[in-house]
Amino acid sequence: MSHRNARLTVFGRRLLVERVCSGRPVAHVAAEMGISRATAHKWIRRWRAEGDAGLHDRSSRPRTTPHRTAAAVEARVCELRQTRKLGPARIGPILGLPASTVHRILTRHRLNRLVFIDRPTGTVICRYQRDRPGELIHVDVKKLGRIPDGGGHKVLGRQADRVTRSSVGFDYVHSAVDDHSRLAYSEIHPDEKVATCAGFLARAAAFFQAQGITRIERVLTDDAWAYRKGLAWKNVLAGLGATGKLTPAYRPQTNGKVERFNRTLLDEWAYIRPYTSNDERTAVLTDFLQTYNHHRCHTALDGHPPISRVNNPAGQYGSVNRTV
């Protein structure tokens, strides 16, 4: 993925190299591609020294940060946050630091929001992730009203839509999200019966395997009958060599990653614009998933898309683990 302000993508840089290698002057190629001669020479020089790898962006992070707050001071900031639940405006005067510096420290240590912290103990409980892709898969179903031909209430208004709304039924969006990478897979079905759930899990496992997650160890779901008692569901789990785990009753937070993905589904796919038919909405789901997995910046992954976590399972992003 290129830097968001870069004039050329990796493809454009390859095109630049091809045109220069064909014998054309660097200045002419730079002008037609809208970049400076210095920039063009830079990419040619990198390509000659490193080959195709040299055309990819390098991290702009400095090798050393001599003015970064000392580790002991950062530890004191975290201690005050976890023991006394103080915010940046109150921690700053205690330690003689600007509030903005304290906020950056808390963000770096995943303590910037109190909802991430267990109030009695100060332990981080909400920000957790498994250590490797496939270690835990979250599965859930989201129920959506179908859209009648011609559009629903977002197109026709609630009065006009009220006549047909009760007869169109519902779609059931089955979703699976990998805990470590947030890689997601979804399908739309007319129900959430055992056979439907089992077939979805088998296809989700095949999708994850195609993306590089070769083994699924555990699958976390709510306590719906299909997951608790369904023989077909248990057979698929056994075939994958995976263990099924149920969330505690009335605790959907345990399955929070797929629950949060459901909200993203609604905001960025189901309700992002008025659709004139159910088929139109269904057809867009594949494009949404492609964008989500390969291009969309994920805030929990420091702005990287989920596929980057599969390609780099060790991860350059911090994590706090919790047993699930």
Protein backbone atom coordinates (compact mmCIF):
# COMPACT_ATOMS: atom_id res chain seq x y z
CA MET A 1 0.00 0.00 0.00
CA SER A 2 1.47 3.39 -1.02
CA HIS A 3 1.66 6.41 1.22
CA ARG A 4 -1.66 8.28 1.05
CA ASN A 5 0.04 11.42 -0.32
CA ALA A 6 2.31 9.63 -2.79
CA ARG A 7 1.97 10.81 -6.40
CA LEU A 8 2.80 7.34 -7.76
CA THR A 9 1.66 3.93 -6.64
CA VAL A 10 3.94 0.91 -6.90
CA PHE A 11 2.37 0.22 -10.31
CA GLY A 12 3.14 3.78 -11.40
CA ARG A 13 6.74 3.43 -10.28
CA ARG A 14 7.12 0.24 -12.32
CA LEU A 15 5.69 2.13 -15.30
CA LEU A 16 8.21 4.90 -14.70
CA VAL A 17 11.07 2.38 -14.71
CA GLU A 18 9.80 0.70 -17.90
CA ARG A 19 9.58 4.01 -19.75
CA VAL A 20 13.05 5.13 -18.68
CA CYS A 21 14.56 1.72 -19.49
CA SER A 22 13.07 1.94 -22.96
CA GLY A 23 15.49 4.78 -23.65
CA ARG A 24 13.39 7.86 -22.97
CA PRO A 25 14.89 10.77 -20.97
CA VAL A 26 14.09 10.81 -17.25
CA ALA A 27 13.02 14.47 -17.42
CA HIS A 28 10.43 13.74 -20.14
CA VAL A 29 8.95 10.74 -18.29
CA ALA A 30 8.82 12.70 -15.03
CA ALA A 31 6.95 15.56 -16.68
CA GLU A 32 4.28 13.37 -18.24
CA MET A 33 3.74 11.51 -14.96
CA GLY A 34 3.44 14.71 -12.95
CA ILE A 35 6.47 14.27 -10.71
CA SER A 36 9.77 16.08 -10.31
CA ARG A 37 13.00 14.90 -11.93
CA ALA A 38 14.49 14.37 -8.47
CA THR A 39 11.65 12.02 -7.53
CA ALA A 40 11.99 10.11 -10.80
CA HIS A 41 15.75 9.73 -10.31
CA LYS A 42 15.13 8.53 -6.75
CA TRP A 43 12.89 5.63 -7.87
CA ILE A 44 15.25 4.73 -10.74
CA ARG A 45 18.17 4.70 -8.33
CA ARG A 46 16.30 2.51 -5.82
CA TRP A 47 15.20 0.11 -8.55
CA ARG A 48 18.74 -0.31 -9.82
CA ALA A 49 20.05 -0.94 -6.30
CA GLU A 50 17.26 -3.17 -4.91
CA GLY A 51 15.18 -4.34 -7.84
CA ASP A 52 11.38 -4.46 -7.58
CA ALA A 53 11.54 -4.32 -3.76
CA GLY A 54 13.01 -0.84 -3.98
CA LEU A 55 9.78 0.49 -5.51
CA HIS A 56 7.82 -0.06 -2.29
CA ASP A 57 7.47 2.61 0.39
CA ARG A 58 9.84 2.63 3.32
CA SER A 59 8.87 3.46 6.87
CA SER A 60 9.42 7.11 7.77
CA ARG A 61 9.82 6.23 11.45
CA PRO A 62 13.15 7.56 12.78
CA ARG A 63 15.79 5.06 13.86
CA THR A 64 16.17 6.81 17.21
CA THR A 65 13.95 9.17 19.20
CA PRO A 66 16.28 10.91 21.67
CA HIS A 67 13.58 13.29 22.91
CA ARG A 68 10.99 10.59 23.68
CA THR A 69 9.70 10.55 27.24
CA ALA A 70 11.79 8.29 29.48
CA ALA A 71 10.47 4.78 30.09
CA ALA A 72 10.27 5.38 33.85
CA VAL A 73 8.07 8.45 33.32
CA GLU A 74 5.81 6.53 30.91
CA ALA A 75 5.49 3.77 33.51
CA ARG A 76 4.46 6.38 36.10
CA VAL A 77 1.83 7.79 33.70
CA CYS A 78 0.38 4.31 33.18
CA GLU A 79 0.41 3.64 36.93
CA LEU A 80 -1.57 6.81 37.68
CA ARG A 81 -4.02 5.94 34.93
CA GLN A 82 -4.61 2.39 36.15
CA THR A 83 -4.61 3.00 39.90
CA ARG A 84 -6.32 6.41 40.17
CA LYS A 85 -8.11 6.52 36.77
CA LEU A 86 -6.83 10.06 36.13
CA GLY A 87 -6.96 11.71 32.72
CA PRO A 88 -4.22 13.63 30.85
CA ALA A 89 -5.30 17.01 32.27
CA ARG A 90 -4.72 15.75 35.84
CA ILE A 91 -1.71 13.49 35.25
CA GLY A 92 0.16 16.25 33.42
CA PRO A 93 0.54 18.69 36.38
CA ILE A 94 1.49 15.83 38.74
CA LEU A 95 4.44 14.78 36.57
CA GLY A 96 5.19 18.13 34.98
CA LEU A 97 4.18 17.01 31.48
CA PRO A 98 1.92 18.64 28.89
CA ALA A 99 -1.51 17.01 28.68
CA SER A 100 -0.90 16.28 24.99
CA THR A 101 2.22 14.28 25.86
CA VAL A 102 0.34 12.30 28.49
CA HIS A 103 -2.40 11.53 25.98
CA ARG A 104 0.13 10.21 23.44
CA ILE A 105 1.67 8.00 26.12
CA LEU A 106 -1.72 6.60 27.14
CA THR A 107 -2.61 5.95 23.50
CA ARG A 108 0.70 4.16 22.93
CA HIS A 109 -0.02 1.86 25.87
CA ARG A 110 -3.71 1.34 24.95
CA LEU A 111 -4.92 3.16 28.06
CA ASN A 112 -6.44 6.23 26.44
CA ARG A 113 -10.04 5.08 27.08
CA LEU A 114 -11.31 4.11 30.52
CA VAL A 115 -13.72 1.60 29.00
CA PHE A 116 -10.65 -0.51 28.16
CA ILE A 117 -9.80 -0.80 31.88
CA ASP A 118 -11.35 -2.91 34.61
CA ARG A 119 -12.23 -0.28 37.24
CA PRO A 120 -11.46 -2.29 40.44
CA THR A 121 -8.10 -3.74 39.28
CA GLY A 122 -6.89 -1.41 36.51
CA THR A 123 -6.29 -4.39 34.22
CA VAL A 124 -6.80 -3.85 30.49
CA ILE A 125 -9.78 -6.05 29.59
CA CYS A 126 -11.28 -4.76 26.35
CA ARG A 127 -8.29 -4.55 24.05
CA TYR A 128 -7.18 -8.11 23.49
CA GLN A 129 -6.26 -10.29 20.58
CA ARG A 130 -5.04 -13.80 19.92
CA ASP A 131 -1.36 -14.34 19.16
CA ARG A 132 -1.70 -15.84 15.67
CA PRO A 133 -4.19 -16.02 12.77
CA GLY A 134 -6.69 -18.86 13.09
CA GLU A 135 -6.31 -19.28 16.84
CA LEU A 136 -9.85 -17.96 17.37
CA ILE A 137 -12.63 -17.22 14.89
CA HIS A 138 -15.69 -15.20 15.94
CA VAL A 139 -18.98 -16.18 14.26
CA ASP A 140 -22.35 -14.41 14.43
CA VAL A 141 -25.53 -13.77 12.43
CA LYS A 142 -27.07 -10.34 11.75
CA LYS A 143 -30.76 -10.18 10.84
CA LEU A 144 -31.70 -7.56 8.21
CA GLY A 145 -35.07 -6.70 6.71
CA ARG A 146 -35.20 -7.41 3.00
CA ILE A 147 -35.70 -4.52 0.58
CA PRO A 148 -38.80 -4.74 -1.66
CA ASP A 149 -38.41 -4.07 -5.38
CA GLY A 150 -38.53 -0.35 -5.97
CA GLY A 151 -36.92 0.47 -2.63
CA GLY A 152 -37.78 0.55 1.04
CA HIS A 153 -38.60 3.42 3.37
CA LYS A 154 -35.28 5.16 2.68
CA VAL A 155 -36.38 5.57 -0.93
CA LEU A 156 -40.19 5.69 -0.74
CA GLY A 157 -40.75 7.07 2.74
CA ARG A 158 -42.22 5.17 5.66
CA GLN A 159 -45.87 5.60 4.70
CA ALA A 160 -45.41 4.23 1.18
CA ASP A 161 -43.20 1.39 2.42
CA ARG A 162 -45.54 0.27 5.20
CA VAL A 163 -47.82 -1.62 2.78
CA THR A 164 -45.13 -4.05 1.59
CA ARG A 165 -42.76 -4.20 4.53
CA SER A 166 -44.40 -7.11 6.34
CA SER A 167 -44.32 -9.42 3.30
CA VAL A 168 -40.67 -9.19 2.23
CA GLY A 169 -39.12 -11.12 5.13
CA PHE A 170 -35.54 -11.05 6.35
CA ASP A 171 -31.97 -11.74 5.26
CA TYR A 172 -29.56 -13.42 7.67
CA VAL A 173 -25.98 -12.21 7.26
CA HIS A 174 -23.59 -14.88 8.57
CA SER A 175 -20.14 -13.47 9.40
CA ALA A 176 -16.81 -14.90 10.59
CA VAL A 177 -13.96 -12.70 11.84
CA ASP A 178 -10.43 -13.84 12.69
CA ASP A 179 -9.50 -12.55 16.13
CA HIS A 180 -5.83 -11.81 15.40
CA SER A 181 -6.06 -10.22 11.96
CA ARG A 182 -9.74 -9.05 11.81
CA LEU A 183 -9.99 -10.72 8.39
CA ALA A 184 -13.72 -11.13 7.71
CA TYR A 185 -15.98 -13.34 5.61
CA SER A 186 -19.76 -12.97 5.18
CA GLU A 187 -22.62 -14.65 3.36
CA ILE A 188 -26.32 -13.84 3.07
CA HIS A 189 -28.85 -16.64 3.69
CA PRO A 190 -32.62 -16.87 4.17
CA ASP A 191 -32.31 -18.51 7.64
CA GLU A 192 -29.97 -19.49 10.47
CA LYS A 193 -30.73 -23.20 10.65
CA VAL A 194 -28.15 -25.83 11.56
CA ALA A 195 -27.41 -26.89 7.98
CA THR A 196 -27.02 -23.26 6.89
CA CYS A 197 -24.65 -22.44 9.77
CA ALA A 198 -22.60 -25.59 9.17
CA GLY A 199 -22.26 -24.91 5.44
CA PHE A 200 -21.25 -21.33 6.13
CA LEU A 201 -18.50 -22.41 8.54
CA ALA A 202 -17.06 -24.85 6.01
CA ARG A 203 -16.94 -22.18 3.30
CA ALA A 204 -15.53 -19.60 5.74
CA ALA A 205 -12.73 -22.03 6.62
CA ALA A 206 -11.97 -22.48 2.92
CA PHE A 207 -11.86 -18.69 2.49
CA PHE A 208 -9.46 -18.25 5.41
CA GLN A 209 -7.25 -21.04 4.08
CA ALA A 210 -7.10 -19.36 0.67
CA GLN A 211 -5.94 -16.15 2.38
CA GLY A 212 -3.17 -17.94 4.30
CA ILE A 213 -4.86 -18.99 7.55
CA THR A 214 -4.27 -22.73 7.19
CA ARG A 215 -5.72 -23.92 10.49
CA ILE A 216 -8.65 -22.85 12.66
CA GLU A 217 -8.21 -23.83 16.31
CA ARG A 218 -11.33 -22.46 18.01
CA VAL A 219 -14.66 -21.00 16.95
CA LEU A 220 -16.53 -18.65 19.29
CA THR A 221 -20.31 -18.19 18.91
CA ASP A 222 -23.33 -17.22 20.97
CA ASP A 223 -25.48 -19.94 22.54
CA ALA A 224 -27.99 -20.29 19.70
CA TRP A 225 -29.44 -23.80 19.29
CA ALA A 226 -27.64 -24.39 15.99
CA TYR A 227 -24.27 -23.90 17.70
CA ARG A 228 -25.13 -25.71 20.95
CA LYS A 229 -26.92 -28.80 19.65
CA GLY A 230 -26.53 -28.92 15.86
CA LEU A 231 -24.88 -32.17 14.76
CA ALA A 232 -23.96 -30.77 11.35
CA TRP A 233 -22.22 -27.83 13.03
CA LYS A 234 -20.28 -30.16 15.33
CA ASN A 235 -19.31 -32.36 12.39
CA VAL A 236 -17.82 -29.39 10.53
CA LEU A 237 -15.89 -28.38 13.66
CA ALA A 238 -14.55 -31.91 13.98
CA GLY A 239 -13.56 -31.97 10.31
CA LEU A 240 -11.59 -28.74 10.80
CA GLY A 241 -9.98 -30.01 13.98
CA ALA A 242 -11.42 -26.99 15.80
CA THR A 243 -13.06 -26.60 19.19
CA GLY A 244 -16.38 -24.80 19.57
CA LYS A 245 -16.82 -22.31 22.40
CA LEU A 246 -19.99 -20.50 23.49
CA THR A 247 -20.25 -17.02 24.99
CA PRO A 248 -21.73 -16.72 28.50
CA ALA A 249 -25.44 -15.96 28.61
CA TYR A 250 -26.29 -12.27 28.19
CA ARG A 251 -22.64 -11.41 27.44
CA PRO A 252 -22.41 -10.51 23.74
CA GLN A 253 -19.27 -8.48 24.59
CA THR A 254 -17.32 -11.75 24.67
CA ASN A 255 -17.95 -12.05 20.94
CA GLY A 256 -17.19 -8.37 20.54
CA LYS A 257 -15.04 -8.44 17.41
CA VAL A 258 -17.74 -9.89 15.18
CA GLU A 259 -20.38 -7.75 16.93
CA ARG A 260 -18.34 -4.67 16.04
CA PHE A 261 -17.93 -5.97 12.51
CA ASN A 262 -21.73 -6.24 12.28
CA ARG A 263 -21.96 -2.54 13.05
CA THR A 264 -19.43 -1.79 10.33
CA LEU A 265 -21.51 -3.91 7.95
CA LEU A 266 -24.55 -1.76 8.68
CA ASP A 267 -22.73 1.58 8.45
CA GLU A 268 -20.55 0.91 5.41
CA TRP A 269 -22.63 -1.57 3.40
CA ALA A 270 -26.29 -2.13 4.38
CA TYR A 271 -27.19 1.50 5.19
CA ILE A 272 -24.51 3.44 3.33
CA ARG A 273 -26.99 4.49 0.62
CA PRO A 274 -30.60 3.86 -0.40
CA TYR A 275 -30.96 0.65 -2.42
CA THR A 276 -33.80 0.11 -4.87
CA SER A 277 -33.90 -3.68 -4.46
CA ASN A 278 -32.62 -6.44 -2.22
CA ASP A 279 -30.56 -7.91 -5.06
CA GLU A 280 -28.76 -4.58 -5.48
CA ARG A 281 -27.72 -4.56 -1.83
CA THR A 282 -26.65 -8.20 -1.94
CA ALA A 283 -24.49 -7.65 -5.02
CA VAL A 284 -22.45 -4.95 -3.25
CA LEU A 285 -21.43 -7.19 -0.32
CA THR A 286 -18.54 -8.84 -2.18
CA ASP A 287 -16.98 -5.48 -3.05
CA PHE A 288 -17.38 -4.28 0.53
CA LEU A 289 -15.58 -7.35 1.89
CA GLN A 290 -12.75 -6.92 -0.61
CA THR A 291 -12.31 -3.31 0.45
CA TYR A 292 -12.59 -4.16 4.16
CA ASN A 293 -10.01 -6.95 4.05
CA HIS A 294 -7.47 -5.47 1.64
CA HIS A 295 -7.77 -1.67 1.61
CA ARG A 296 -9.77 -0.23 4.52
CA CYS A 297 -7.65 1.21 7.33
CA HIS A 298 -8.49 -0.59 10.58
CA THR A 299 -8.10 1.49 13.74
CA ALA A 300 -7.29 -1.59 15.86
CA LEU A 301 -4.39 -2.41 13.50
CA ASP A 302 -2.79 1.04 13.55
CA GLY A 303 -4.34 1.97 10.21
CA HIS A 304 -3.40 -1.21 8.35
CA PRO A 305 -5.92 -3.47 6.55
CA PRO A 306 -6.63 -6.95 8.00
CA ILE A 307 -4.78 -8.81 5.23
CA SER A 308 -1.52 -7.21 6.42
CA ARG A 309 -1.86 -9.10 9.70
CA VAL A 310 -2.17 -12.42 7.85
CA ASN A 311 0.90 -11.66 5.74
CA ASN A 312 2.79 -10.53 8.85
CA PRO A 313 1.45 -12.77 11.66
CA ALA A 314 4.13 -11.71 14.13
CA GLY A 315 2.63 -8.24 13.82
CA GLN A 316 4.20 -4.86 14.36
CA TYR A 317 1.18 -3.81 16.39
CA GLY A 318 0.94 -4.08 20.15
CA SER A 319 -1.52 -6.46 21.81
CA VAL A 320 -2.95 -7.34 25.17
CA ASN A 321 -4.04 -10.95 25.51
CA ARG A 322 -6.90 -12.37 27.49
CA THR A 323 -8.06 -15.97 27.78
CA VAL A 324 -11.26 -16.59 25.83
